[in-house]
PDB file of N, CA and C in Angstrom:
ATOM      1  N   MET A   1     -45.467   1.972   9.869  1.00  0.00           N
ATOM      2  CA  MET A   1     -44.730   0.858   9.301  1.00  0.00           C
ATOM      3  C   MET A   1     -45.680  -0.015   8.481  1.00  0.00           C
ATOM      4  N   ARG A   2     -45.199  -0.431   7.314  1.00  0.00           N
ATOM      5  CA  ARG A   2     -46.009  -1.251   6.428  1.00  0.00           C
ATOM      6  C   ARG A   2     -45.223  -2.490   6.012  1.00  0.00           C
ATOM      7  N   PRO A   3     -45.918  -3.579   5.742  1.00  0.00           N
ATOM      8  CA  PRO A   3     -45.216  -4.776   5.251  1.00  0.00           C
ATOM      9  C   PRO A   3     -44.926  -4.647   3.753  1.00  0.00           C
ATOM     10  N   TYR A   4     -43.758  -5.098   3.346  1.00  0.00           N
ATOM     11  CA  TYR A   4     -43.349  -5.078   1.941  1.00  0.00           C
ATOM     12  C   TYR A   4     -42.729  -6.421   1.586  1.00  0.00           C
ATOM     13  N   GLU A   5     -42.690  -6.677   0.301  1.00  0.00           N
ATOM     14  CA  GLU A   5     -42.004  -7.849  -0.229  1.00  0.00           C
ATOM     15  C   GLU A   5     -41.251  -7.392  -1.469  1.00  0.00           C
ATOM     16  N   ILE A   6     -39.992  -7.770  -1.561  1.00  0.00           N
ATOM     17  CA  ILE A   6     -39.204  -7.381  -2.722  1.00  0.00           C
ATOM     18  C   ILE A   6     -38.545  -8.624  -3.318  1.00  0.00           C
ATOM     19  N   MET A   7     -38.650  -8.757  -4.629  1.00  0.00           N
ATOM     20  CA  MET A   7     -37.965  -9.825  -5.339  1.00  0.00           C
ATOM     21  C   MET A   7     -36.769  -9.200  -6.036  1.00  0.00           C
ATOM     22  N   ILE A   8     -35.629  -9.815  -5.859  1.00  0.00           N
ATOM     23  CA  ILE A   8     -34.385  -9.294  -6.406  1.00  0.00           C
ATOM     24  C   ILE A   8     -33.769 -10.376  -7.288  1.00  0.00           C
ATOM     25  N   ILE A   9     -33.358  -9.994  -8.481  1.00  0.00           N
ATOM     26  CA  ILE A   9     -32.634 -10.914  -9.364  1.00  0.00           C
ATOM     27  C   ILE A   9     -31.204 -10.419  -9.433  1.00  0.00           C
ATOM     28  N   ILE A  10     -30.285 -11.260  -8.963  1.00  0.00           N
ATOM     29  CA  ILE A  10     -28.868 -10.911  -8.894  1.00  0.00           C
ATOM     30  C   ILE A  10     -28.139 -11.531 -10.080  1.00  0.00           C
ATOM     31  N   ASP A  11     -27.123 -10.828 -10.562  1.00  0.00           N
ATOM     32  CA  ASP A  11     -26.296 -11.297 -11.665  1.00  0.00           C
ATOM     33  C   ASP A  11     -25.749 -12.697 -11.344  1.00  0.00           C
ATOM     34  N   PRO A  12     -25.861 -13.638 -12.286  1.00  0.00           N
ATOM     35  CA  PRO A  12     -25.412 -15.007 -12.007  1.00  0.00           C
ATOM     36  C   PRO A  12     -23.898 -15.135 -11.847  1.00  0.00           C
ATOM     37  N   GLU A  13     -23.144 -14.123 -12.231  1.00  0.00           N
ATOM     38  CA  GLU A  13     -21.693 -14.182 -12.065  1.00  0.00           C
ATOM     39  C   GLU A  13     -21.266 -13.933 -10.621  1.00  0.00           C
ATOM     40  N   VAL A  14     -22.189 -13.460  -9.785  1.00  0.00           N
ATOM     41  CA  VAL A  14     -21.911 -13.304  -8.360  1.00  0.00           C
ATOM     42  C   VAL A  14     -21.874 -14.699  -7.751  1.00  0.00           C
ATOM     43  N   ASP A  15     -20.819 -14.990  -7.016  1.00  0.00           N
ATOM     44  CA  ASP A  15     -20.656 -16.293  -6.393  1.00  0.00           C
ATOM     45  C   ASP A  15     -21.772 -16.535  -5.373  1.00  0.00           C
ATOM     46  N   ASP A  16     -22.250 -17.783  -5.286  1.00  0.00           N
ATOM     47  CA  ASP A  16     -23.352 -18.111  -4.379  1.00  0.00           C
ATOM     48  C   ASP A  16     -23.032 -17.753  -2.934  1.00  0.00           C
ATOM     49  N   ARG A  17     -21.771 -17.853  -2.545  1.00  0.00           N
ATOM     50  CA  ARG A  17     -21.390 -17.517  -1.168  1.00  0.00           C
ATOM     51  C   ARG A  17     -21.437 -16.006  -0.933  1.00  0.00           C
ATOM     52  N   GLN A  18     -21.337 -15.216  -1.994  1.00  0.00           N
ATOM     53  CA  GLN A  18     -21.343 -13.755  -1.856  1.00  0.00           C
ATOM     54  C   GLN A  18     -22.755 -13.185  -1.841  1.00  0.00           C
ATOM     55  N   VAL A  19     -23.756 -13.986  -2.202  1.00  0.00           N
ATOM     56  CA  VAL A  19     -25.138 -13.499  -2.252  1.00  0.00           C
ATOM     57  C   VAL A  19     -25.591 -13.047  -0.868  1.00  0.00           C
ATOM     58  N   ALA A  20     -25.318 -13.833   0.153  1.00  0.00           N
ATOM     59  CA  ALA A  20     -25.756 -13.489   1.515  1.00  0.00           C
ATOM     60  C   ALA A  20     -25.099 -12.203   2.001  1.00  0.00           C
ATOM     61  N   THR A  21     -23.811 -12.033   1.740  1.00  0.00           N
ATOM     62  CA  THR A  21     -23.128 -10.821   2.196  1.00  0.00           C
ATOM     63  C   THR A  21     -23.598  -9.596   1.415  1.00  0.00           C
ATOM     64  N   ALA A  22     -23.872  -9.774   0.133  1.00  0.00           N
ATOM     65  CA  ALA A  22     -24.390  -8.655  -0.664  1.00  0.00           C
ATOM     66  C   ALA A  22     -25.765  -8.237  -0.158  1.00  0.00           C
ATOM     67  N   MET A  23     -26.599  -9.210   0.179  1.00  0.00           N
ATOM     68  CA  MET A  23     -27.941  -8.900   0.681  1.00  0.00           C
ATOM     69  C   MET A  23     -27.871  -8.202   2.035  1.00  0.00           C
ATOM     70  N   GLU A  24     -26.961  -8.614   2.901  1.00  0.00           N
ATOM     71  CA  GLU A  24     -26.825  -7.980   4.217  1.00  0.00           C
ATOM     72  C   GLU A  24     -26.488  -6.507   4.075  1.00  0.00           C
ATOM     73  N   ARG A  25     -25.643  -6.185   3.099  1.00  0.00           N
ATOM     74  CA  ARG A  25     -25.259  -4.794   2.871  1.00  0.00           C
ATOM     75  C   ARG A  25     -26.481  -3.949   2.487  1.00  0.00           C
ATOM     76  N   PHE A  26     -27.348  -4.491   1.627  1.00  0.00           N
ATOM     77  CA  PHE A  26     -28.533  -3.745   1.206  1.00  0.00           C
ATOM     78  C   PHE A  26     -29.598  -3.712   2.295  1.00  0.00           C
ATOM     79  N   LEU A  27     -29.748  -4.805   3.023  1.00  0.00           N
ATOM     80  CA  LEU A  27     -30.784  -4.874   4.058  1.00  0.00           C
ATOM     81  C   LEU A  27     -30.445  -4.026   5.277  1.00  0.00           C
ATOM     82  N   ALA A  28     -29.205  -3.566   5.360  1.00  0.00           N
ATOM     83  CA  ALA A  28     -28.820  -2.662   6.443  1.00  0.00           C
ATOM     84  C   ALA A  28     -29.605  -1.355   6.354  1.00  0.00           C
ATOM     85  N   VAL A  29     -30.054  -0.984   5.158  1.00  0.00           N
ATOM     86  CA  VAL A  29     -30.875   0.223   4.980  1.00  0.00           C
ATOM     87  C   VAL A  29     -32.149   0.103   5.807  1.00  0.00           C
ATOM     88  N   ILE A  30     -32.765  -1.068   5.795  1.00  0.00           N
ATOM     89  CA  ILE A  30     -34.008  -1.291   6.549  1.00  0.00           C
ATOM     90  C   ILE A  30     -33.724  -1.245   8.044  1.00  0.00           C
ATOM     91  N   LYS A  31     -32.692  -1.951   8.466  1.00  0.00           N
ATOM     92  CA  LYS A  31     -32.376  -2.040   9.891  1.00  0.00           C
ATOM     93  C   LYS A  31     -31.960  -0.693  10.464  1.00  0.00           C
ATOM     94  N   ASN A  32     -31.264   0.136   9.670  1.00  0.00           N
ATOM     95  CA  ASN A  32     -30.823   1.452  10.145  1.00  0.00           C
ATOM     96  C   ASN A  32     -31.987   2.421  10.332  1.00  0.00           C
ATOM     97  N   ASP A  33     -33.081   2.215   9.617  1.00  0.00           N
ATOM     98  CA  ASP A  33     -34.260   3.068   9.740  1.00  0.00           C
ATOM     99  C   ASP A  33     -35.331   2.442  10.627  1.00  0.00           C
ATOM    100  N   LYS A  34     -34.932   1.553  11.522  1.00  0.00           N
ATOM    101  CA  LYS A  34     -35.819   0.929  12.514  1.00  0.00           C
ATOM    102  C   LYS A  34     -36.863   0.010  11.911  1.00  0.00           C
ATOM    103  N   GLY A  35     -36.598  -0.499  10.710  1.00  0.00           N
ATOM    104  CA  GLY A  35     -37.484  -1.486  10.109  1.00  0.00           C
ATOM    105  C   GLY A  35     -37.040  -2.885  10.522  1.00  0.00           C
ATOM    106  N   THR A  36     -37.833  -3.887  10.148  1.00  0.00           N
ATOM    107  CA  THR A  36     -37.475  -5.261  10.468  1.00  0.00           C
ATOM    108  C   THR A  36     -37.484  -6.108   9.207  1.00  0.00           C
ATOM    109  N   VAL A  37     -36.497  -6.993   9.109  1.00  0.00           N
ATOM    110  CA  VAL A  37     -36.434  -7.949   8.007  1.00  0.00           C
ATOM    111  C   VAL A  37     -37.050  -9.240   8.528  1.00  0.00           C
ATOM    112  N   ASP A  38     -38.179  -9.649   7.944  1.00  0.00           N
ATOM    113  CA  ASP A  38     -38.897 -10.824   8.427  1.00  0.00           C
ATOM    114  C   ASP A  38     -38.309 -12.110   7.866  1.00  0.00           C
ATOM    115  N   THR A  39     -38.197 -12.211   6.545  1.00  0.00           N
ATOM    116  CA  THR A  39     -37.631 -13.417   5.933  1.00  0.00           C
ATOM    117  C   THR A  39     -36.768 -13.041   4.737  1.00  0.00           C
ATOM    118  N   VAL A  40     -35.717 -13.844   4.531  1.00  0.00           N
ATOM    119  CA  VAL A  40     -34.879 -13.744   3.340  1.00  0.00           C
ATOM    120  C   VAL A  40     -34.867 -15.138   2.735  1.00  0.00           C
ATOM    121  N   ASP A  41     -35.505 -15.289   1.587  1.00  0.00           N
ATOM    122  CA  ASP A  41     -35.646 -16.585   0.929  1.00  0.00           C
ATOM    123  C   ASP A  41     -34.830 -16.590  -0.359  1.00  0.00           C
ATOM    124  N   VAL A  42     -33.716 -17.311  -0.360  1.00  0.00           N
ATOM    125  CA  VAL A  42     -32.869 -17.401  -1.551  1.00  0.00           C
ATOM    126  C   VAL A  42     -33.352 -18.578  -2.382  1.00  0.00           C
ATOM    127  N   TRP A  43     -33.904 -18.285  -3.554  1.00  0.00           N
ATOM    128  CA  TRP A  43     -34.420 -19.336  -4.425  1.00  0.00           C
ATOM    129  C   TRP A  43     -33.315 -19.994  -5.227  1.00  0.00           C
ATOM    130  N   GLY A  44     -32.201 -19.318  -5.408  1.00  0.00           N
ATOM    131  CA  GLY A  44     -31.088 -19.878  -6.172  1.00  0.00           C
ATOM    132  C   GLY A  44     -31.142 -19.465  -7.632  1.00  0.00           C
ATOM    133  N   ARG A  45     -30.326 -20.140  -8.427  1.00  0.00           N
ATOM    134  CA  ARG A  45     -30.234 -19.821  -9.859  1.00  0.00           C
ATOM    135  C   ARG A  45     -31.464 -20.330 -10.596  1.00  0.00           C
ATOM    136  N   ARG A  46     -32.020 -19.455 -11.415  1.00  0.00           N
ATOM    137  CA  ARG A  46     -33.170 -19.807 -12.240  1.00  0.00           C
ATOM    138  C   ARG A  46     -32.957 -19.239 -13.633  1.00  0.00           C
ATOM    139  N   ARG A  47     -33.551 -19.881 -14.586  1.00  0.00           N
ATOM    140  CA  ARG A  47     -33.510 -19.389 -15.961  1.00  0.00           C
ATOM    141  C   ARG A  47     -34.513 -18.255 -16.101  1.00  0.00           C
ATOM    142  N   LEU A  48     -34.107 -17.173 -16.758  1.00  0.00           N
ATOM    143  CA  LEU A  48     -34.978 -16.026 -16.972  1.00  0.00           C
ATOM    144  C   LEU A  48     -35.879 -16.269 -18.175  1.00  0.00           C
ATOM    145  N   ALA A  49     -37.054 -15.668 -18.174  1.00  0.00           N
ATOM    146  CA  ALA A  49     -37.983 -15.802 -19.292  1.00  0.00           C
ATOM    147  C   ALA A  49     -37.422 -15.111 -20.535  1.00  0.00           C
ATOM    148  N   TYR A  50     -36.659 -14.052 -20.339  1.00  0.00           N
ATOM    149  CA  TYR A  50     -36.009 -13.339 -21.433  1.00  0.00           C
ATOM    150  C   TYR A  50     -34.707 -12.758 -20.886  1.00  0.00           C
ATOM    151  N   GLU A  51     -33.785 -12.450 -21.769  1.00  0.00           N
ATOM    152  CA  GLU A  51     -32.488 -11.955 -21.337  1.00  0.00           C
ATOM    153  C   GLU A  51     -32.598 -10.553 -20.740  1.00  0.00           C
ATOM    154  N   ILE A  52     -31.868 -10.350 -19.658  1.00  0.00           N
ATOM    155  CA  ILE A  52     -31.749  -9.046 -19.021  1.00  0.00           C
ATOM    156  C   ILE A  52     -30.261  -8.748 -18.964  1.00  0.00           C
ATOM    157  N   LYS A  53     -29.852  -7.644 -19.560  1.00  0.00           N
ATOM    158  CA  LYS A  53     -28.439  -7.250 -19.610  1.00  0.00           C
ATOM    159  C   LYS A  53     -27.577  -8.389 -20.158  1.00  0.00           C
ATOM    160  N   LYS A  54     -28.074  -9.053 -21.188  1.00  0.00           N
ATOM    161  CA  LYS A  54     -27.392 -10.160 -21.871  1.00  0.00           C
ATOM    162  C   LYS A  54     -27.141 -11.363 -20.960  1.00  0.00           C
ATOM    163  N   ARG A  55     -27.972 -11.542 -19.955  1.00  0.00           N
ATOM    164  CA  ARG A  55     -27.892 -12.697 -19.048  1.00  0.00           C
ATOM    165  C   ARG A  55     -29.150 -13.534 -19.229  1.00  0.00           C
ATOM    166  N   SER A  56     -28.979 -14.859 -19.277  1.00  0.00           N
ATOM    167  CA  SER A  56     -30.140 -15.735 -19.426  1.00  0.00           C
ATOM    168  C   SER A  56     -30.507 -16.415 -18.107  1.00  0.00           C
ATOM    169  N   GLU A  57     -29.685 -16.227 -17.058  1.00  0.00           N
ATOM    170  CA  GLU A  57     -29.947 -16.768 -15.730  1.00  0.00           C
ATOM    171  C   GLU A  57     -29.822 -15.658 -14.705  1.00  0.00           C
ATOM    172  N   GLY A  58     -30.359 -15.927 -13.516  1.00  0.00           N
ATOM    173  CA  GLY A  58     -30.218 -14.996 -12.409  1.00  0.00           C
ATOM    174  C   GLY A  58     -30.419 -15.717 -11.091  1.00  0.00           C
ATOM    175  N   VAL A  59     -29.902 -15.128 -10.024  1.00  0.00           N
ATOM    176  CA  VAL A  59     -30.086 -15.668  -8.682  1.00  0.00           C
ATOM    177  C   VAL A  59     -31.250 -14.900  -8.056  1.00  0.00           C
ATOM    178  N   TYR A  60     -32.323 -15.624  -7.734  1.00  0.00           N
ATOM    179  CA  TYR A  60     -33.531 -15.003  -7.197  1.00  0.00           C
ATOM    180  C   TYR A  60     -33.487 -14.967  -5.674  1.00  0.00           C
ATOM    181  N   VAL A  61     -33.851 -13.817  -5.105  1.00  0.00           N
ATOM    182  CA  VAL A  61     -33.951 -13.650  -3.659  1.00  0.00           C
ATOM    183  C   VAL A  61     -35.258 -12.908  -3.377  1.00  0.00           C
ATOM    184  N   VAL A  62     -36.055 -13.427  -2.436  1.00  0.00           N
ATOM    185  CA  VAL A  62     -37.304 -12.771  -2.029  1.00  0.00           C
ATOM    186  C   VAL A  62     -37.158 -12.381  -0.558  1.00  0.00           C
ATOM    187  N   VAL A  63     -37.397 -11.097  -0.275  1.00  0.00           N
ATOM    188  CA  VAL A  63     -37.249 -10.577   1.085  1.00  0.00           C
ATOM    189  C   VAL A  63     -38.579  -9.985   1.531  1.00  0.00           C
ATOM    190  N   SER A  64     -39.058 -10.407   2.696  1.00  0.00           N
ATOM    191  CA  SER A  64     -40.240  -9.810   3.325  1.00  0.00           C
ATOM    192  C   SER A  64     -39.745  -8.941   4.473  1.00  0.00           C
ATOM    193  N   PHE A  65     -40.236  -7.710   4.522  1.00  0.00           N
ATOM    194  CA  PHE A  65     -39.793  -6.801   5.572  1.00  0.00           C
ATOM    195  C   PHE A  65     -40.890  -5.810   5.917  1.00  0.00           C
ATOM    196  N   THR A  66     -40.708  -5.138   7.056  1.00  0.00           N
ATOM    197  CA  THR A  66     -41.622  -4.110   7.511  1.00  0.00           C
ATOM    198  C   THR A  66     -40.825  -2.824   7.664  1.00  0.00           C
ATOM    199  N   ALA A  67     -41.316  -1.742   7.039  1.00  0.00           N
ATOM    200  CA  ALA A  67     -40.581  -0.482   7.081  1.00  0.00           C
ATOM    201  C   ALA A  67     -41.498   0.667   6.702  1.00  0.00           C
ATOM    202  N   GLU A  68     -40.982   1.870   6.841  1.00  0.00           N
ATOM    203  CA  GLU A  68     -41.677   3.068   6.392  1.00  0.00           C
ATOM    204  C   GLU A  68     -41.610   3.132   4.866  1.00  0.00           C
ATOM    205  N   PRO A  69     -42.569   3.790   4.222  1.00  0.00           N
ATOM    206  CA  PRO A  69     -42.549   3.887   2.759  1.00  0.00           C
ATOM    207  C   PRO A  69     -41.266   4.512   2.199  1.00  0.00           C
ATOM    208  N   ALA A  70     -40.733   5.523   2.876  1.00  0.00           N
ATOM    209  CA  ALA A  70     -39.506   6.166   2.402  1.00  0.00           C
ATOM    210  C   ALA A  70     -38.322   5.196   2.454  1.00  0.00           C
ATOM    211  N   THR A  71     -38.286   4.340   3.463  1.00  0.00           N
ATOM    212  CA  THR A  71     -37.212   3.353   3.596  1.00  0.00           C
ATOM    213  C   THR A  71     -37.291   2.326   2.478  1.00  0.00           C
ATOM    214  N   ALA A  72     -38.503   1.857   2.165  1.00  0.00           N
ATOM    215  CA  ALA A  72     -38.678   0.886   1.079  1.00  0.00           C
ATOM    216  C   ALA A  72     -38.248   1.491  -0.249  1.00  0.00           C
ATOM    217  N   LYS A  73     -38.587   2.736  -0.464  1.00  0.00           N
ATOM    218  CA  LYS A  73     -38.211   3.418  -1.700  1.00  0.00           C
ATOM    219  C   LYS A  73     -36.691   3.579  -1.795  1.00  0.00           C
ATOM    220  N   GLU A  74     -36.045   3.901  -0.678  1.00  0.00           N
ATOM    221  CA  GLU A  74     -34.587   4.047  -0.651  1.00  0.00           C
ATOM    222  C   GLU A  74     -33.897   2.718  -0.916  1.00  0.00           C
ATOM    223  N   LEU A  75     -34.420   1.635  -0.356  1.00  0.00           N
ATOM    224  CA  LEU A  75     -33.852   0.303  -0.615  1.00  0.00           C
ATOM    225  C   LEU A  75     -33.938  -0.027  -2.100  1.00  0.00           C
ATOM    226  N   ASP A  76     -35.093   0.206  -2.695  1.00  0.00           N
ATOM    227  CA  ASP A  76     -35.278  -0.071  -4.119  1.00  0.00           C
ATOM    228  C   ASP A  76     -34.335   0.792  -4.959  1.00  0.00           C
ATOM    229  N   ARG A  77     -34.122   2.028  -4.564  1.00  0.00           N
ATOM    230  CA  ARG A  77     -33.219   2.924  -5.286  1.00  0.00           C
ATOM    231  C   ARG A  77     -31.781   2.417  -5.221  1.00  0.00           C
ATOM    232  N   GLN A  78     -31.337   2.028  -4.022  1.00  0.00           N
ATOM    233  CA  GLN A  78     -29.966   1.546  -3.868  1.00  0.00           C
ATOM    234  C   GLN A  78     -29.737   0.238  -4.621  1.00  0.00           C
ATOM    235  N   LEU A  79     -30.739  -0.638  -4.609  1.00  0.00           N
ATOM    236  CA  LEU A  79     -30.617  -1.885  -5.368  1.00  0.00           C
ATOM    237  C   LEU A  79     -30.505  -1.592  -6.865  1.00  0.00           C
ATOM    238  N   GLY A  80     -31.260  -0.609  -7.334  1.00  0.00           N
ATOM    239  CA  GLY A  80     -31.221  -0.248  -8.750  1.00  0.00           C
ATOM    240  C   GLY A  80     -29.895   0.334  -9.186  1.00  0.00           C
ATOM    241  N   LEU A  81     -29.165   0.949  -8.263  1.00  0.00           N
ATOM    242  CA  LEU A  81     -27.866   1.538  -8.592  1.00  0.00           C
ATOM    243  C   LEU A  81     -26.750   0.505  -8.667  1.00  0.00           C
ATOM    244  N   SER A  82     -26.941  -0.643  -8.052  1.00  0.00           N
ATOM    245  CA  SER A  82     -25.902  -1.669  -8.014  1.00  0.00           C
ATOM    246  C   SER A  82     -25.809  -2.403  -9.348  1.00  0.00           C
ATOM    247  N   GLU A  83     -24.581  -2.635  -9.802  1.00  0.00           N
ATOM    248  CA  GLU A  83     -24.381  -3.369 -11.049  1.00  0.00           C
ATOM    249  C   GLU A  83     -24.585  -4.869 -10.872  1.00  0.00           C
ATOM    250  N   GLN A  84     -24.587  -5.358  -9.641  1.00  0.00           N
ATOM    251  CA  GLN A  84     -24.806  -6.784  -9.371  1.00  0.00           C
ATOM    252  C   GLN A  84     -26.280  -7.162  -9.504  1.00  0.00           C
ATOM    253  N   ILE A  85     -27.172  -6.190  -9.425  1.00  0.00           N
ATOM    254  CA  ILE A  85     -28.611  -6.440  -9.432  1.00  0.00           C
ATOM    255  C   ILE A  85     -29.152  -6.269 -10.848  1.00  0.00           C
ATOM    256  N   LEU A  86     -29.799  -7.320 -11.356  1.00  0.00           N
ATOM    257  CA  LEU A  86     -30.381  -7.251 -12.695  1.00  0.00           C
ATOM    258  C   LEU A  86     -31.760  -6.599 -12.676  1.00  0.00           C
ATOM    259  N   ARG A  87     -32.598  -6.960 -11.692  1.00  0.00           N
ATOM    260  CA  ARG A  87     -33.976  -6.467 -11.674  1.00  0.00           C
ATOM    261  C   ARG A  87     -34.523  -6.561 -10.260  1.00  0.00           C
ATOM    262  N   THR A  88     -35.433  -5.661  -9.896  1.00  0.00           N
ATOM    263  CA  THR A  88     -36.131  -5.725  -8.605  1.00  0.00           C
ATOM    264  C   THR A  88     -37.614  -5.479  -8.828  1.00  0.00           C
ATOM    265  N   LYS A  89     -38.404  -5.973  -7.893  1.00  0.00           N
ATOM    266  CA  LYS A  89     -39.861  -5.730  -7.904  1.00  0.00           C
ATOM    267  C   LYS A  89     -40.289  -5.591  -6.455  1.00  0.00           C
ATOM    268  N   LEU A  90     -40.745  -4.393  -6.088  1.00  0.00           N
ATOM    269  CA  LEU A  90     -41.177  -4.100  -4.724  1.00  0.00           C
ATOM    270  C   LEU A  90     -42.702  -4.027  -4.688  1.00  0.00           C
ATOM    271  N   VAL A  91     -43.318  -4.784  -3.785  1.00  0.00           N
ATOM    272  CA  VAL A  91     -44.778  -4.796  -3.662  1.00  0.00           C
ATOM    273  C   VAL A  91     -45.183  -4.749  -2.197  1.00  0.00           C
ATOM    274  N   ARG A  92     -46.405  -4.254  -1.958  1.00  0.00           N
ATOM    275  CA  ARG A  92     -47.025  -4.342  -0.643  1.00  0.00           C
ATOM    276  C   ARG A  92     -48.042  -5.462  -0.720  1.00  0.00           C
ATOM    277  N   PRO A  93     -47.835  -6.565   0.001  1.00  0.00           N
ATOM    278  CA  PRO A  93     -48.752  -7.705  -0.109  1.00  0.00           C
ATOM    279  C   PRO A  93     -50.163  -7.410   0.371  1.00  0.00           C
ATOM    280  N   ASP A  94     -50.348  -6.426   1.259  1.00  0.00           N
ATOM    281  CA  ASP A  94     -51.684  -6.141   1.759  1.00  0.00           C
ATOM    282  C   ASP A  94     -52.463  -5.171   0.868  1.00  0.00           C
ATOM    283  N   ALA A  95     -51.802  -4.548  -0.109  1.00  0.00           N
ATOM    284  CA  ALA A  95     -52.489  -3.613  -1.022  1.00  0.00           C
ATOM    285  C   ALA A  95     -53.304  -4.397  -2.042  1.00  0.00           C
ATOM    286  N   ALA A  96     -54.520  -3.979  -2.262  1.00  0.00           N
ATOM    287  CA  ALA A  96     -55.381  -4.696  -3.194  1.00  0.00           C
ATOM    288  C   ALA A  96     -55.498  -3.987  -4.515  1.00  0.00           C
TER     289      ALA A  96
END
């Protein structure tokens, strides 16, 4: 098991109340593979540095979790397939 951190930018047209339920659906991938979700930090709506999919804003969410490498890769893949997700960035904080 390794620690990971993923930043997710969600489409701003998703209602703020739906962000938590959407995240729970994706984070179930980690929990089903015996990983742990340490923190879910919703930063809220922020202006993007440049437009992504013709959007100038996005809802930022940062998730810290511990999982196997295959689980982290699967989470990133599923997030990439969703039309609600504008962009993701998966990193290992302990990797130098």
